[in-house]
């Protein structure tokens, strides 16, 4: 019988990874991740909380603009897929064109 040991750091990394991915799924997932971030202040989770909040707000704004906004949601959907992929692979690369702004404007998440 094999006994597997996992360190506290591994569990914290896995939790941060799960919460980072969860933050991209609706505002409810973001709020759950933000609440848990208070207990687990991880740089990976902080980064993805900022990126996901920016995407959520961009989706909300674009959904109210006829035609042009609807076309913009296609680009935002691609960004959303990229962001989830990066969160799953524990990468902290900002999204093209908008990611650095999200990090700067949402620095209240600290």
Protein backbone atom coordinates (compact mmCIF):
# COMPACT_ATOMS: atom_id res chain seq x y z
CA UNK A 1 0.00 0.00 0.00
CA UNK A 2 1.44 3.32 -1.03
CA UNK A 3 1.13 6.32 1.19
CA UNK A 4 1.13 9.71 -0.49
CA UNK A 5 2.19 12.78 1.44
CA UNK A 6 1.34 16.22 0.30
CA UNK A 7 2.86 19.28 1.81
CA UNK A 8 0.91 22.31 2.89
CA UNK A 9 2.48 24.29 0.03
CA UNK A 10 1.17 21.79 -2.55
CA UNK A 11 -2.33 22.02 -1.10
CA UNK A 12 -2.17 25.82 -1.06
CA UNK A 13 -1.01 25.88 -4.70
CA UNK A 14 -3.78 23.52 -5.77
CA UNK A 15 -6.35 25.60 -3.89
CA UNK A 16 -5.07 28.81 -5.47
CA UNK A 17 -5.17 27.18 -8.91
CA UNK A 18 -8.76 26.01 -8.39
CA UNK A 19 -9.87 29.42 -7.13
CA UNK A 20 -8.08 31.18 -10.01
CA UNK A 21 -9.99 29.08 -12.54
CA UNK A 22 -13.25 29.50 -10.60
CA UNK A 23 -12.90 33.29 -10.65
CA UNK A 24 -13.55 33.30 -14.40
CA UNK A 25 -16.96 31.63 -14.08
CA UNK A 26 -19.56 34.36 -13.54
CA UNK A 27 -19.63 36.96 -10.82
CA UNK A 28 -20.59 34.28 -8.29
CA UNK A 29 -17.38 32.35 -8.95
CA UNK A 30 -15.44 35.59 -8.71
CA UNK A 31 -17.03 36.46 -5.36
CA UNK A 32 -16.30 32.97 -3.98
CA UNK A 33 -12.68 33.29 -5.10
CA UNK A 34 -12.41 36.78 -3.59
CA UNK A 35 -13.83 35.58 -0.29
CA UNK A 36 -11.39 32.67 -0.20
CA UNK A 37 -8.54 34.99 -1.24
CA UNK A 38 -8.88 36.66 2.15
CA UNK A 39 -7.78 33.38 3.73
CA UNK A 40 -5.21 32.41 1.07
CA UNK A 41 -3.32 35.48 -0.14
CA UNK A 42 -1.57 33.99 -3.12
CA UNK A 43 -0.03 36.13 -5.91
CA UNK A 44 -1.44 33.78 -8.56
CA UNK A 45 -4.98 34.19 -7.25
CA UNK A 46 -4.59 37.98 -6.90
CA UNK A 47 -3.43 38.21 -10.52
CA UNK A 48 -6.36 36.17 -11.86
CA UNK A 49 -8.92 37.97 -9.67
CA UNK A 50 -7.87 41.21 -11.37
CA UNK A 51 -7.90 39.70 -14.86
CA UNK A 52 -11.29 38.04 -14.38
CA UNK A 53 -12.89 41.19 -12.92
CA UNK A 54 -11.73 43.12 -15.96
CA UNK A 55 -13.16 40.52 -18.32
CA UNK A 56 -16.47 40.38 -16.43
CA UNK A 57 -16.83 44.16 -16.64
CA UNK A 58 -15.87 44.23 -20.33
CA UNK A 59 -18.43 41.50 -21.07
CA UNK A 60 -21.09 43.47 -19.19
CA UNK A 61 -20.35 46.71 -21.04
CA UNK A 62 -20.06 45.04 -24.46
CA UNK A 63 -23.35 43.21 -24.05
CA UNK A 64 -25.25 46.53 -23.98
CA UNK A 65 -23.72 47.92 -27.17
CA UNK A 66 -25.56 46.73 -30.27
CA UNK A 67 -23.61 45.05 -33.07
CA UNK A 68 -20.11 46.37 -32.29
CA UNK A 69 -20.38 45.21 -28.68
CA UNK A 70 -21.68 41.86 -29.76
CA UNK A 71 -18.72 41.43 -32.08
CA UNK A 72 -16.41 42.49 -29.24
CA UNK A 73 -17.81 39.68 -27.11
CA UNK A 74 -16.30 37.21 -29.57
CA UNK A 75 -12.85 38.66 -28.86
CA UNK A 76 -13.61 38.70 -25.15
CA UNK A 77 -14.66 35.04 -25.32
CA UNK A 78 -11.27 34.18 -26.84
CA UNK A 79 -9.56 36.17 -24.06
CA UNK A 80 -11.68 34.34 -21.52
CA UNK A 81 -10.54 30.95 -22.89
CA UNK A 82 -6.91 32.09 -22.83
CA UNK A 83 -7.26 33.35 -19.27
CA UNK A 84 -8.77 30.09 -18.02
CA UNK A 85 -5.98 28.18 -19.73
CA UNK A 86 -3.38 30.38 -18.04
CA UNK A 87 -5.02 30.02 -14.64
CA UNK A 88 -5.09 26.25 -15.01
CA UNK A 89 -1.40 26.20 -15.89
CA UNK A 90 -0.57 28.69 -13.11
CA UNK A 91 0.72 31.32 -15.51
CA UNK A 92 0.63 35.03 -14.73
CA UNK A 93 0.80 36.43 -18.25
CA UNK A 94 -1.49 39.42 -18.79
CA UNK A 95 -4.04 39.25 -21.57
CA UNK A 96 -3.04 40.99 -24.81
CA UNK A 97 -3.83 44.73 -24.95
CA UNK A 98 -5.99 44.84 -21.81
CA UNK A 99 -4.31 42.67 -19.16
CA UNK A 100 -1.79 45.25 -17.99
CA UNK A 101 -4.59 47.78 -17.58
CA UNK A 102 -6.60 45.31 -15.51
CA UNK A 103 -3.61 44.83 -13.21
CA UNK A 104 -3.15 48.59 -12.85
CA UNK A 105 -6.80 49.65 -12.47
CA UNK A 106 -7.85 46.86 -10.11
CA UNK A 107 -4.92 47.17 -7.74
CA UNK A 108 -7.37 47.50 -4.83
CA UNK A 109 -7.38 43.70 -4.86
CA UNK A 110 -4.29 43.26 -2.76
